[in-house]
Amino acid sequence: MNGKIPVNRTWLAAAVGVIAVMALAISAAGASAAGKVVYSDLNTVPTMVNGHPNQDTYSAAPFEFPFGGIVEFSHRPGVIKSLIAQVDSFTCEHGVYQLENCFTPHLGKKFSYKLTASVYEVGAGNALGALVASSTETFKIPYRPSTNVECPPTPEGKGFGVNCDVGGYLATVKFKHFFPAAVLPEKAIVMFTDTESDNPNDVVNIGVQTSYKEWDGEFVPDPPLDGGVPSVGVIPFPEDTYVRGELQSAGGAGYQPVFQVLAKP
């Protein structure tokens, strides 16, 4: 003997095969637990603006809530599991952004804010139908960065960052507790709203597809990527949104709420 342990290669090959099958099963179980994407237009938000990472998007303000749009999910979407949305934070750690005294000395510090995501059936005339499922959750949302005093003045004050973003700070939230655990219809209305905050200066908007580019006497938008077409699912009426719960024209494509829906079989 040369000191090496002899190997049964048939046994080894079989063991490797079993391990591979187990790994695939674990992977599939993990994917199933996470759910499958049945709608997403996150792909339509520009990742870069003016050559810099996008930190701001156009958005719907609380006075426009409930705000949302009609979507078509992928075929036989299943039971809703979670919803990821993009939001715009206008809340400063100190001061008010419109007064140009927004001061957030602790970048990354967050505050609590309650939002609700609801899924409705599409009723007659595309009005809100029966509630399918809803999730109300309190999120930790980043404060808007401090005002950049070197930015140009606008009707909403001076912006922040290298792009002089006038709006809010882009963040992501995930709704994970929908009730009831309902099967999604293939077409639905997804709506967002908030609750009264103890601080009137706490403002969080729901992000839409078009992003802020610059101010040149008016607000200049950076249009959606991919023509505003979702990577999964369909926006059947890209120029129409729900504002204060009522269907109305969004004034053009690119102003749909941005979110991703996951479901399980």
Protein backbone atom coordinates (compact mmCIF):
# COMPACT_ATOMS: atom_id res chain seq x y z
CA MET A 1 0.00 0.00 0.00
CA ASN A 2 1.22 3.50 -0.73
CA GLY A 3 -0.59 5.14 2.17
CA LYS A 4 -3.61 6.32 0.11
CA ILE A 5 -7.11 5.14 0.94
CA PRO A 6 -8.52 3.19 -2.01
CA VAL A 7 -11.57 4.78 -3.59
CA ASN A 8 -14.68 2.97 -4.79
CA ARG A 9 -15.31 5.08 -7.89
CA THR A 10 -18.77 3.62 -8.52
CA TRP A 11 -19.84 4.59 -5.00
CA LEU A 12 -18.25 8.03 -5.40
CA ALA A 13 -20.07 8.73 -8.69
CA ALA A 14 -23.36 7.64 -7.15
CA ALA A 15 -22.77 9.86 -4.12
CA VAL A 16 -21.95 12.85 -6.31
CA GLY A 17 -25.14 12.22 -8.27
CA VAL A 18 -27.23 12.09 -5.09
CA ILE A 19 -25.64 15.30 -3.82
CA ALA A 20 -26.35 17.04 -7.14
CA VAL A 21 -30.00 15.95 -7.08
CA MET A 22 -30.30 17.13 -3.45
CA ALA A 23 -28.74 20.50 -4.36
CA LEU A 24 -31.20 20.94 -7.22
CA ALA A 25 -34.08 20.05 -4.92
CA ILE A 26 -32.91 22.50 -2.27
CA SER A 27 -32.47 25.18 -4.92
CA ALA A 28 -35.94 24.55 -6.32
CA ALA A 29 -37.44 24.59 -2.83
CA GLY A 30 -35.69 27.89 -2.11
CA ALA A 31 -36.96 29.41 -5.36
CA SER A 32 -40.47 28.15 -4.59
CA ALA A 33 -40.33 29.62 -1.10
CA ALA A 34 -39.20 32.96 -2.49
CA GLY A 35 -41.99 32.93 -5.06
CA LYS A 36 -41.95 33.73 -8.75
CA VAL A 37 -42.08 37.17 -10.33
CA VAL A 38 -45.50 37.61 -11.96
CA TYR A 39 -45.16 41.35 -12.68
CA SER A 40 -42.26 43.79 -12.72
CA ASP A 41 -41.63 47.21 -14.22
CA LEU A 42 -38.56 47.88 -12.06
CA ASN A 43 -36.57 47.51 -15.30
CA THR A 44 -38.09 50.77 -16.59
CA VAL A 45 -36.42 53.05 -14.02
CA PRO A 46 -33.11 54.51 -15.30
CA THR A 47 -30.18 53.22 -13.27
CA MET A 48 -27.97 56.12 -14.37
CA VAL A 49 -28.88 59.79 -14.91
CA ASN A 50 -26.38 62.34 -16.28
CA GLY A 51 -23.70 59.68 -15.95
CA HIS A 52 -24.30 59.24 -12.22
CA PRO A 53 -26.25 56.60 -10.26
CA ASN A 54 -29.94 57.49 -10.18
CA GLN A 55 -30.93 58.75 -6.72
CA ASP A 56 -34.31 60.24 -7.52
CA THR A 57 -37.37 59.37 -9.55
CA TYR A 58 -40.57 61.19 -10.39
CA SER A 59 -43.21 60.15 -7.90
CA ALA A 60 -46.80 60.46 -6.71
CA ALA A 61 -47.22 62.52 -3.53
CA PRO A 62 -49.47 61.60 -0.58
CA PHE A 63 -52.11 64.12 -1.68
CA GLU A 64 -52.53 61.88 -4.77
CA PHE A 65 -53.09 58.72 -2.70
CA PRO A 66 -54.59 56.21 -3.18
CA PHE A 67 -52.40 56.03 -6.30
CA GLY A 68 -51.93 53.12 -8.67
CA GLY A 69 -52.49 51.52 -12.05
CA ILE A 70 -53.92 48.52 -13.89
CA VAL A 71 -51.57 45.62 -14.57
CA GLU A 72 -51.77 42.21 -16.19
CA PHE A 73 -49.83 39.49 -14.39
CA SER A 74 -48.19 36.53 -16.07
CA HIS A 75 -50.48 33.60 -16.91
CA ARG A 76 -51.98 31.92 -13.82
CA PRO A 77 -50.02 34.08 -11.38
CA GLY A 78 -50.88 32.12 -8.21
CA VAL A 79 -51.20 33.32 -4.61
CA ILE A 80 -49.71 36.73 -3.83
CA LYS A 81 -46.60 36.48 -1.66
CA SER A 82 -44.89 39.88 -1.66
CA LEU A 83 -44.60 43.20 -3.45
CA ILE A 84 -41.48 45.33 -3.87
CA ALA A 85 -42.03 49.03 -4.58
CA GLN A 86 -39.80 52.05 -5.10
CA VAL A 87 -40.41 55.18 -3.05
CA ASP A 88 -39.09 58.74 -2.89
CA SER A 89 -38.17 60.04 0.56
CA PHE A 90 -38.58 63.81 1.00
CA THR A 91 -38.08 63.64 4.76
CA CYS A 92 -34.99 65.38 6.18
CA GLU A 93 -33.33 64.44 9.45
CA HIS A 94 -33.46 68.17 10.25
CA GLY A 95 -35.23 70.96 8.36
CA VAL A 96 -37.56 70.90 5.35
CA TYR A 97 -36.37 70.27 1.79
CA GLN A 98 -38.51 73.05 0.26
CA LEU A 99 -37.06 75.59 2.66
CA GLU A 100 -33.55 74.68 1.44
CA ASN A 101 -32.46 73.83 4.96
CA CYS A 102 -32.60 70.05 4.66
CA PHE A 103 -29.79 68.72 6.83
CA THR A 104 -29.11 65.00 7.21
CA PRO A 105 -25.73 64.63 8.93
CA HIS A 106 -26.08 60.87 9.36
CA LEU A 107 -26.24 59.39 5.85
CA GLY A 108 -28.06 56.10 5.94
CA LYS A 109 -30.08 56.97 9.04
CA LYS A 110 -33.73 55.95 8.69
CA PHE A 111 -37.17 56.86 10.02
CA SER A 112 -40.40 54.87 10.31
CA TYR A 113 -43.21 55.33 7.80
CA LYS A 114 -46.38 53.30 7.26
CA LEU A 115 -47.60 52.41 3.76
CA THR A 116 -50.31 50.16 2.35
CA ALA A 117 -50.30 48.20 -0.91
CA SER A 118 -53.65 46.82 -2.09
CA VAL A 119 -54.70 44.64 -5.01
CA TYR A 120 -58.21 45.01 -6.41
CA GLU A 121 -60.22 43.30 -9.10
CA VAL A 122 -60.94 45.44 -12.16
CA GLY A 123 -64.56 46.53 -12.04
CA ALA A 124 -66.96 47.80 -14.68
CA GLY A 125 -65.49 50.67 -16.66
CA ASN A 126 -62.08 49.88 -15.07
CA ALA A 127 -63.30 51.18 -11.72
CA LEU A 128 -62.03 49.66 -8.48
CA GLY A 129 -63.57 46.26 -7.95
CA ALA A 130 -63.50 43.94 -4.96
CA LEU A 131 -60.42 43.93 -2.74
CA VAL A 132 -58.24 40.87 -3.41
CA ALA A 133 -55.53 41.36 -0.78
CA SER A 134 -53.81 44.13 1.15
CA SER A 135 -50.64 44.66 3.18
CA THR A 136 -50.01 47.53 5.62
CA GLU A 137 -46.47 47.71 6.96
CA THR A 138 -44.15 50.14 8.72
CA PHE A 139 -40.86 50.57 6.91
CA LYS A 140 -37.48 52.01 7.82
CA ILE A 141 -36.87 54.57 5.07
CA PRO A 142 -33.68 56.64 4.57
CA TYR A 143 -33.76 60.37 5.15
CA ARG A 144 -33.26 62.61 2.13
CA PRO A 145 -29.64 63.85 1.89
CA SER A 146 -28.75 67.43 2.85
CA THR A 147 -29.44 70.32 0.48
CA ASN A 148 -26.58 71.05 -1.90
CA VAL A 149 -26.35 74.85 -1.63
CA GLU A 150 -24.47 75.01 -4.94
CA CYS A 151 -27.47 73.65 -6.84
CA PRO A 152 -29.71 76.04 -8.81
CA PRO A 153 -32.90 77.27 -7.12
CA THR A 154 -36.21 75.79 -8.28
CA PRO A 155 -39.85 76.20 -7.19
CA GLU A 156 -39.22 73.24 -4.86
CA GLY A 157 -35.97 74.55 -3.45
CA LYS A 158 -32.41 73.45 -4.17
CA GLY A 159 -31.60 69.82 -4.78
CA PHE A 160 -29.13 67.35 -3.33
CA GLY A 161 -26.21 65.32 -4.65
CA VAL A 162 -24.22 65.69 -7.87
CA ASN A 163 -27.37 65.63 -10.00
CA CYS A 164 -28.97 68.39 -7.87
CA ASP A 165 -31.99 66.12 -7.47
CA VAL A 166 -34.87 68.29 -6.35
CA GLY A 167 -37.20 65.47 -5.39
CA GLY A 168 -36.90 62.70 -2.86
CA TYR A 169 -34.25 60.08 -2.23
CA LEU A 170 -34.88 56.80 -4.04
CA ALA A 171 -35.40 53.75 -1.83
CA THR A 172 -37.03 50.32 -1.98
CA VAL A 173 -39.64 48.77 0.32
CA LYS A 174 -41.04 45.24 0.43
CA PHE A 175 -44.59 44.36 1.49
CA LYS A 176 -44.48 40.82 2.87
CA HIS A 177 -47.71 40.25 4.77
CA PHE A 178 -50.74 40.23 2.47
CA PHE A 179 -54.15 39.32 3.80
CA PRO A 180 -55.95 37.30 2.78
CA ALA A 181 -53.57 34.88 1.05
CA ALA A 182 -55.57 35.24 -2.15
CA VAL A 183 -55.10 33.94 -5.67
CA LEU A 184 -54.30 36.85 -7.97
CA PRO A 185 -56.55 37.55 -10.95
CA GLU A 186 -54.71 37.82 -14.25
CA LYS A 187 -55.68 41.53 -14.44
CA ALA A 188 -55.78 43.75 -11.36
CA ILE A 189 -55.53 47.29 -10.00
CA VAL A 190 -52.60 47.84 -7.63
CA MET A 191 -52.94 50.84 -5.31
CA PHE A 192 -50.72 52.55 -2.74
CA THR A 193 -51.61 54.80 0.17
CA ASP A 194 -50.23 55.91 3.53
CA THR A 195 -51.52 56.86 6.97
CA GLU A 196 -51.31 60.13 8.87
CA SER A 197 -47.83 60.79 10.24
CA ASP A 198 -47.13 62.42 13.59
CA ASN A 199 -44.74 64.76 11.77
CA PRO A 200 -46.30 66.72 8.86
CA ASN A 201 -42.82 67.08 7.35
CA ASP A 202 -42.50 63.30 6.94
CA VAL A 203 -43.24 62.75 3.26
CA VAL A 204 -42.79 59.57 1.23
CA ASN A 205 -43.95 59.37 -2.39
CA ILE A 206 -44.54 56.33 -4.58
CA GLY A 207 -41.97 56.19 -7.37
CA VAL A 208 -42.94 56.10 -11.05
CA GLN A 209 -41.02 55.14 -14.17
CA THR A 210 -39.72 58.56 -15.23
CA SER A 211 -36.74 60.02 -13.36
CA TYR A 212 -35.56 63.54 -12.61
CA LYS A 213 -32.81 64.79 -14.93
CA GLU A 214 -32.34 68.55 -14.40
CA TRP A 215 -33.90 71.97 -13.96
CA ASP A 216 -33.60 74.40 -16.88
CA GLY A 217 -36.50 76.71 -16.11
CA GLU A 218 -38.75 73.67 -15.85
CA PHE A 219 -38.32 70.14 -14.58
CA VAL A 220 -36.71 67.97 -17.25
CA PRO A 221 -37.49 64.24 -17.09
CA ASP A 222 -35.29 61.29 -17.99
CA PRO A 223 -37.67 58.90 -19.80
CA PRO A 224 -38.20 55.27 -18.78
CA LEU A 225 -35.92 52.52 -20.00
CA ASP A 226 -37.18 49.81 -22.35
CA GLY A 227 -39.95 52.10 -23.58
CA GLY A 228 -41.65 51.76 -20.21
CA VAL A 229 -42.54 48.13 -20.99
CA PRO A 230 -42.44 45.77 -17.97
CA SER A 231 -39.98 42.88 -18.00
CA VAL A 232 -42.79 40.62 -16.72
CA GLY A 233 -46.49 41.27 -17.27
CA VAL A 234 -48.27 44.04 -19.14
CA ILE A 235 -49.45 47.61 -18.55
CA PRO A 236 -52.68 47.60 -20.58
CA PHE A 237 -53.29 51.37 -20.24
CA PRO A 238 -49.84 53.01 -19.97
CA GLU A 239 -51.26 56.57 -20.05
CA ASP A 240 -53.86 56.01 -17.31
CA THR A 241 -53.34 55.91 -13.54
CA TYR A 242 -55.54 56.05 -10.45
CA VAL A 243 -55.21 59.32 -8.54
CA ARG A 244 -57.09 59.66 -5.24
CA GLY A 245 -58.68 56.36 -6.16
CA GLU A 246 -60.14 57.60 -9.46
CA LEU A 247 -59.01 56.58 -12.95
CA GLN A 248 -57.60 59.46 -14.97
CA SER A 249 -55.06 60.15 -17.67
CA ALA A 250 -51.45 60.27 -16.49
CA GLY A 251 -50.70 62.78 -19.25
CA GLY A 252 -48.57 60.32 -21.17
CA ALA A 253 -46.75 57.02 -20.74
CA GLY A 254 -43.95 56.73 -18.20
CA TYR A 255 -45.87 57.67 -15.07
CA GLN A 256 -46.98 54.25 -13.89
CA PRO A 257 -46.12 53.20 -10.31
CA VAL A 258 -42.99 51.08 -10.15
CA PHE A 259 -43.19 47.73 -8.39
CA GLN A 260 -42.64 43.98 -8.60
CA VAL A 261 -45.09 41.29 -7.50
CA LEU A 262 -44.09 37.79 -6.42
CA ALA A 263 -46.51 34.90 -6.08
CA LYS A 264 -46.46 31.21 -5.20
CA PRO A 265 -48.34 28.35 -6.91
